[in-house]
Amino acid sequence: MHHRKRIEIVVERVRADDVTDLLDRLGATGWTILPVLSGRGRRGVRLGGDLSGVLDNVVIVCIASEAVTARVLDASDELLGARPAIVSITDCTVLRADHF
C-alpha cells in the first residue's frame, strides 16, 4: 500500500484541455476526465447535456505524488484563473506505486 493524493478538479468542459496540459507539465503521470451530468452549488442547479456543450462541466481526476500535488497547489493561479473551478485534494492509497 502506497500513499498518494487524489486531485479532483471540476471545470467547464471547454477548459479541460488547458487543465490536463497543466497537469502534464507539472509531472502528473495520468488523469481521467468524467462528465458531470448535473450538480448544485452557490449558483444553483446546473444541468449538463446542452447541445453545444458550452455549459457542460467535467471532473478531472488525477492520482499524484506529494511533489506533483505541491506543484499543482503552487500553480493555483494558472489552474483557477478568473473562471469557475472546484479543486479538492484528498489522501488516498494505491496498490501499485509505480503507476503514480
N, C-alpha and C. Protein backbone atom coordinates (compact mmCIF):
# COMPACT_ATOMS: atom_id res chain seq x y z
N MET A 1 0.84 -1.17 0.00
CA MET A 1 0.00 0.00 0.00
C MET A 1 0.89 1.24 0.00
N HIS A 2 0.53 2.21 -0.87
CA HIS A 2 1.35 3.40 -1.04
C HIS A 2 0.46 4.63 -0.97
N HIS A 3 0.90 5.63 -0.24
CA HIS A 3 0.12 6.85 -0.05
C HIS A 3 0.34 7.83 -1.20
N ARG A 4 -0.76 8.35 -1.71
CA ARG A 4 -0.74 9.35 -2.78
C ARG A 4 -1.83 10.37 -2.48
N LYS A 5 -1.97 11.34 -3.35
CA LYS A 5 -3.02 12.36 -3.25
C LYS A 5 -3.96 12.20 -4.45
N ARG A 6 -5.23 12.38 -4.19
CA ARG A 6 -6.24 12.37 -5.25
C ARG A 6 -6.66 13.82 -5.47
N ILE A 7 -6.41 14.31 -6.66
CA ILE A 7 -6.77 15.68 -7.03
C ILE A 7 -8.00 15.61 -7.91
N GLU A 8 -9.06 16.29 -7.51
CA GLU A 8 -10.28 16.37 -8.32
C GLU A 8 -10.53 17.82 -8.68
N ILE A 9 -10.74 18.05 -9.97
CA ILE A 9 -10.93 19.41 -10.46
C ILE A 9 -12.19 19.43 -11.30
N VAL A 10 -13.16 20.24 -10.90
CA VAL A 10 -14.39 20.42 -11.67
C VAL A 10 -14.25 21.73 -12.44
N VAL A 11 -14.33 21.64 -13.76
CA VAL A 11 -14.20 22.81 -14.62
C VAL A 11 -15.18 22.71 -15.78
N GLU A 12 -15.35 23.83 -16.45
CA GLU A 12 -16.14 23.81 -17.68
C GLU A 12 -15.43 22.94 -18.71
N ARG A 13 -16.20 22.19 -19.47
CA ARG A 13 -15.64 21.28 -20.47
C ARG A 13 -14.63 21.98 -21.40
N VAL A 14 -14.94 23.23 -21.75
CA VAL A 14 -14.07 23.95 -22.68
C VAL A 14 -12.69 24.23 -22.09
N ARG A 15 -12.53 24.11 -20.77
CA ARG A 15 -11.24 24.34 -20.12
C ARG A 15 -10.47 23.06 -19.83
N ALA A 16 -11.06 21.91 -20.11
CA ALA A 16 -10.45 20.63 -19.73
C ALA A 16 -9.06 20.44 -20.34
N ASP A 17 -8.90 20.78 -21.60
CA ASP A 17 -7.58 20.60 -22.24
C ASP A 17 -6.51 21.46 -21.58
N ASP A 18 -6.86 22.68 -21.20
CA ASP A 18 -5.90 23.55 -20.52
C ASP A 18 -5.48 22.95 -19.17
N VAL A 19 -6.45 22.40 -18.45
CA VAL A 19 -6.15 21.82 -17.13
C VAL A 19 -5.29 20.57 -17.28
N THR A 20 -5.64 19.69 -18.21
CA THR A 20 -4.84 18.47 -18.38
C THR A 20 -3.45 18.79 -18.92
N ASP A 21 -3.32 19.80 -19.76
CA ASP A 21 -1.99 20.23 -20.22
C ASP A 21 -1.15 20.70 -19.03
N LEU A 22 -1.78 21.46 -18.13
CA LEU A 22 -1.08 21.93 -16.94
C LEU A 22 -0.64 20.75 -16.07
N LEU A 23 -1.54 19.80 -15.84
CA LEU A 23 -1.18 18.62 -15.05
C LEU A 23 0.00 17.88 -15.67
N ASP A 24 -0.03 17.73 -16.99
CA ASP A 24 1.08 17.07 -17.69
C ASP A 24 2.39 17.82 -17.47
N ARG A 25 2.35 19.15 -17.62
CA ARG A 25 3.56 19.97 -17.45
C ARG A 25 4.11 19.89 -16.02
N LEU A 26 3.20 19.70 -15.05
CA LEU A 26 3.61 19.66 -13.65
C LEU A 26 4.08 18.27 -13.22
N GLY A 27 4.03 17.30 -14.13
CA GLY A 27 4.57 15.98 -13.83
C GLY A 27 3.57 14.89 -13.50
N ALA A 28 2.30 15.15 -13.66
CA ALA A 28 1.30 14.10 -13.42
C ALA A 28 1.51 12.98 -14.43
N THR A 29 1.40 11.75 -13.97
CA THR A 29 1.61 10.61 -14.86
C THR A 29 0.33 10.20 -15.57
N GLY A 30 -0.79 10.76 -15.18
CA GLY A 30 -2.06 10.45 -15.83
C GLY A 30 -3.21 11.17 -15.18
N TRP A 31 -4.35 11.10 -15.81
CA TRP A 31 -5.58 11.73 -15.32
C TRP A 31 -6.76 11.10 -16.05
N THR A 32 -7.95 11.29 -15.51
CA THR A 32 -9.19 10.79 -16.10
C THR A 32 -10.19 11.93 -16.12
N ILE A 33 -10.94 12.03 -17.21
CA ILE A 33 -11.99 13.05 -17.32
C ILE A 33 -13.34 12.35 -17.29
N LEU A 34 -14.21 12.82 -16.39
CA LEU A 34 -15.56 12.27 -16.25
C LEU A 34 -16.58 13.37 -16.53
N PRO A 35 -17.67 13.04 -17.23
CA PRO A 35 -18.69 14.06 -17.46
C PRO A 35 -19.49 14.33 -16.19
N VAL A 36 -19.93 15.57 -16.04
CA VAL A 36 -20.82 15.94 -14.94
C VAL A 36 -22.22 15.99 -15.52
N LEU A 37 -23.11 15.17 -14.99
CA LEU A 37 -24.47 15.14 -15.51
C LEU A 37 -25.32 16.26 -14.95
N SER A 38 -25.11 16.57 -13.68
CA SER A 38 -25.79 17.71 -13.06
C SER A 38 -25.13 17.98 -11.72
N GLY A 39 -25.48 19.13 -11.16
CA GLY A 39 -24.94 19.49 -9.86
C GLY A 39 -25.63 20.74 -9.33
N ARG A 40 -25.38 21.01 -8.06
CA ARG A 40 -25.95 22.20 -7.45
C ARG A 40 -24.89 22.82 -6.55
N GLY A 41 -24.78 24.12 -6.62
CA GLY A 41 -23.81 24.84 -5.81
C GLY A 41 -24.29 26.24 -5.52
N ARG A 42 -23.34 27.15 -5.31
CA ARG A 42 -23.68 28.54 -4.98
C ARG A 42 -24.57 29.19 -6.02
N ARG A 43 -24.40 28.80 -7.26
CA ARG A 43 -25.15 29.42 -8.35
C ARG A 43 -26.40 28.65 -8.73
N GLY A 44 -26.79 27.69 -7.90
CA GLY A 44 -28.00 26.93 -8.15
C GLY A 44 -27.72 25.64 -8.89
N VAL A 45 -28.77 25.09 -9.51
CA VAL A 45 -28.67 23.82 -10.21
C VAL A 45 -28.08 24.04 -11.60
N ARG A 46 -27.21 23.13 -11.99
CA ARG A 46 -26.60 23.19 -13.32
C ARG A 46 -26.76 21.82 -13.96
N LEU A 47 -27.38 21.78 -15.11
CA LEU A 47 -27.61 20.53 -15.81
C LEU A 47 -26.69 20.43 -17.02
N GLY A 48 -26.15 19.26 -17.25
CA GLY A 48 -25.34 19.02 -18.43
C GLY A 48 -26.24 18.66 -19.60
N GLY A 49 -25.63 18.32 -20.71
CA GLY A 49 -26.41 17.87 -21.85
C GLY A 49 -26.82 18.95 -22.82
N ASP A 50 -26.31 20.16 -22.64
CA ASP A 50 -26.57 21.23 -23.59
C ASP A 50 -26.05 20.79 -24.96
N LEU A 51 -26.82 21.00 -26.01
CA LEU A 51 -26.42 20.54 -27.35
C LEU A 51 -25.05 21.07 -27.76
N SER A 52 -24.74 22.30 -27.40
CA SER A 52 -23.46 22.87 -27.79
C SER A 52 -22.33 22.40 -26.87
N GLY A 53 -22.67 21.94 -25.67
CA GLY A 53 -21.67 21.52 -24.70
C GLY A 53 -20.98 22.67 -24.00
N VAL A 54 -21.35 23.90 -24.34
CA VAL A 54 -20.69 25.08 -23.78
C VAL A 54 -20.87 25.17 -22.27
N LEU A 55 -22.02 24.76 -21.78
CA LEU A 55 -22.30 24.88 -20.35
C LEU A 55 -21.95 23.63 -19.55
N ASP A 56 -21.47 22.58 -20.23
CA ASP A 56 -21.16 21.33 -19.54
C ASP A 56 -19.91 21.45 -18.68
N ASN A 57 -19.92 20.72 -17.57
CA ASN A 57 -18.75 20.61 -16.70
C ASN A 57 -18.19 19.20 -16.79
N VAL A 58 -16.92 19.06 -16.41
CA VAL A 58 -16.29 17.76 -16.28
C VAL A 58 -15.55 17.71 -14.96
N VAL A 59 -15.26 16.49 -14.51
CA VAL A 59 -14.40 16.28 -13.35
C VAL A 59 -13.11 15.64 -13.86
N ILE A 60 -12.00 16.25 -13.54
CA ILE A 60 -10.70 15.69 -13.89
C ILE A 60 -10.12 15.10 -12.61
N VAL A 61 -9.82 13.81 -12.66
CA VAL A 61 -9.28 13.10 -11.50
C VAL A 61 -7.84 12.72 -11.80
N CYS A 62 -6.97 13.01 -10.85
CA CYS A 62 -5.55 12.73 -11.00
C CYS A 62 -5.03 12.17 -9.68
N ILE A 63 -4.39 11.02 -9.72
CA ILE A 63 -3.71 10.48 -8.54
C ILE A 63 -2.24 10.86 -8.69
N ALA A 64 -1.69 11.50 -7.66
CA ALA A 64 -0.35 12.06 -7.81
C ALA A 64 0.47 11.91 -6.53
N SER A 65 1.76 12.05 -6.70
CA SER A 65 2.68 12.07 -5.56
C SER A 65 2.53 13.38 -4.79
N GLU A 66 3.13 13.43 -3.62
CA GLU A 66 3.15 14.67 -2.83
C GLU A 66 3.81 15.80 -3.61
N ALA A 67 4.89 15.48 -4.32
CA ALA A 67 5.64 16.50 -5.06
C ALA A 67 4.80 17.10 -6.18
N VAL A 68 4.13 16.27 -6.94
CA VAL A 68 3.28 16.78 -8.03
C VAL A 68 2.12 17.59 -7.44
N THR A 69 1.54 17.09 -6.35
CA THR A 69 0.44 17.81 -5.71
C THR A 69 0.89 19.19 -5.25
N ALA A 70 2.08 19.29 -4.70
CA ALA A 70 2.61 20.59 -4.26
C ALA A 70 2.76 21.53 -5.45
N ARG A 71 3.21 21.00 -6.59
CA ARG A 71 3.35 21.84 -7.78
C ARG A 71 1.98 22.31 -8.28
N VAL A 72 0.97 21.45 -8.19
CA VAL A 72 -0.39 21.84 -8.58
C VAL A 72 -0.87 22.97 -7.68
N LEU A 73 -0.66 22.85 -6.39
CA LEU A 73 -1.07 23.92 -5.47
C LEU A 73 -0.32 25.21 -5.76
N ASP A 74 0.96 25.12 -6.07
CA ASP A 74 1.75 26.32 -6.40
C ASP A 74 1.24 26.99 -7.67
N ALA A 75 0.64 26.21 -8.57
CA ALA A 75 0.14 26.74 -9.84
C ALA A 75 -1.35 27.07 -9.77
N SER A 76 -1.85 27.30 -8.58
CA SER A 76 -3.30 27.50 -8.42
C SER A 76 -3.82 28.71 -9.19
N ASP A 77 -3.02 29.76 -9.32
CA ASP A 77 -3.47 30.92 -10.09
C ASP A 77 -3.71 30.54 -11.55
N GLU A 78 -2.79 29.78 -12.12
CA GLU A 78 -2.95 29.34 -13.50
C GLU A 78 -4.10 28.34 -13.63
N LEU A 79 -4.24 27.48 -12.63
CA LEU A 79 -5.29 26.47 -12.65
C LEU A 79 -6.67 27.09 -12.52
N LEU A 80 -6.82 28.00 -11.58
CA LEU A 80 -8.13 28.58 -11.33
C LEU A 80 -8.42 29.78 -12.21
N GLY A 81 -7.47 30.69 -12.33
CA GLY A 81 -7.70 31.90 -13.10
C GLY A 81 -8.94 32.61 -12.58
N ALA A 82 -9.62 33.29 -13.48
CA ALA A 82 -10.84 34.00 -13.10
C ALA A 82 -12.08 33.19 -13.43
N ARG A 83 -11.89 31.96 -13.90
CA ARG A 83 -13.01 31.12 -14.32
C ARG A 83 -13.46 30.23 -13.17
N PRO A 84 -14.71 29.77 -13.21
CA PRO A 84 -15.20 28.87 -12.15
C PRO A 84 -14.43 27.54 -12.16
N ALA A 85 -14.11 27.07 -11.00
CA ALA A 85 -13.47 25.77 -10.84
C ALA A 85 -13.58 25.35 -9.38
N ILE A 86 -13.61 24.05 -9.17
CA ILE A 86 -13.59 23.49 -7.83
C ILE A 86 -12.42 22.53 -7.79
N VAL A 87 -11.55 22.69 -6.81
CA VAL A 87 -10.39 21.80 -6.66
C VAL A 87 -10.44 21.20 -5.27
N SER A 88 -10.35 19.87 -5.21
CA SER A 88 -10.24 19.20 -3.91
C SER A 88 -9.09 18.22 -3.96
N ILE A 89 -8.42 18.09 -2.82
CA ILE A 89 -7.29 17.18 -2.71
C ILE A 89 -7.51 16.33 -1.46
N THR A 90 -7.45 15.02 -1.65
CA THR A 90 -7.65 14.10 -0.54
C THR A 90 -6.54 13.05 -0.54
N ASP A 91 -6.33 12.46 0.62
CA ASP A 91 -5.37 11.37 0.72
C ASP A 91 -6.00 10.10 0.14
N CYS A 92 -5.18 9.29 -0.50
CA CYS A 92 -5.65 8.00 -0.99
C CYS A 92 -4.52 7.00 -0.90
N THR A 93 -4.86 5.75 -1.06
CA THR A 93 -3.89 4.67 -1.02
C THR A 93 -4.01 3.89 -2.32
N VAL A 94 -2.86 3.59 -2.93
CA VAL A 94 -2.84 2.82 -4.17
C VAL A 94 -2.05 1.53 -3.94
N LEU A 95 -2.34 0.54 -4.75
CA LEU A 95 -1.64 -0.74 -4.62
C LEU A 95 -0.31 -0.77 -5.36
N ARG A 96 -0.25 -0.04 -6.50
CA ARG A 96 0.95 -0.07 -7.32
C ARG A 96 1.57 1.33 -7.42
N ALA A 97 2.59 1.58 -6.65
CA ALA A 97 3.21 2.90 -6.58
C ALA A 97 3.83 3.29 -7.91
N ASP A 98 4.30 2.33 -8.69
CA ASP A 98 4.98 2.65 -9.94
C ASP A 98 4.05 3.22 -11.00
N HIS A 99 2.75 3.16 -10.78
CA HIS A 99 1.79 3.72 -11.73
C HIS A 99 1.52 5.21 -11.49
N PHE A 100 1.97 5.71 -10.33
CA PHE A 100 1.67 7.10 -9.97
C PHE A 100 2.94 7.80 -9.55
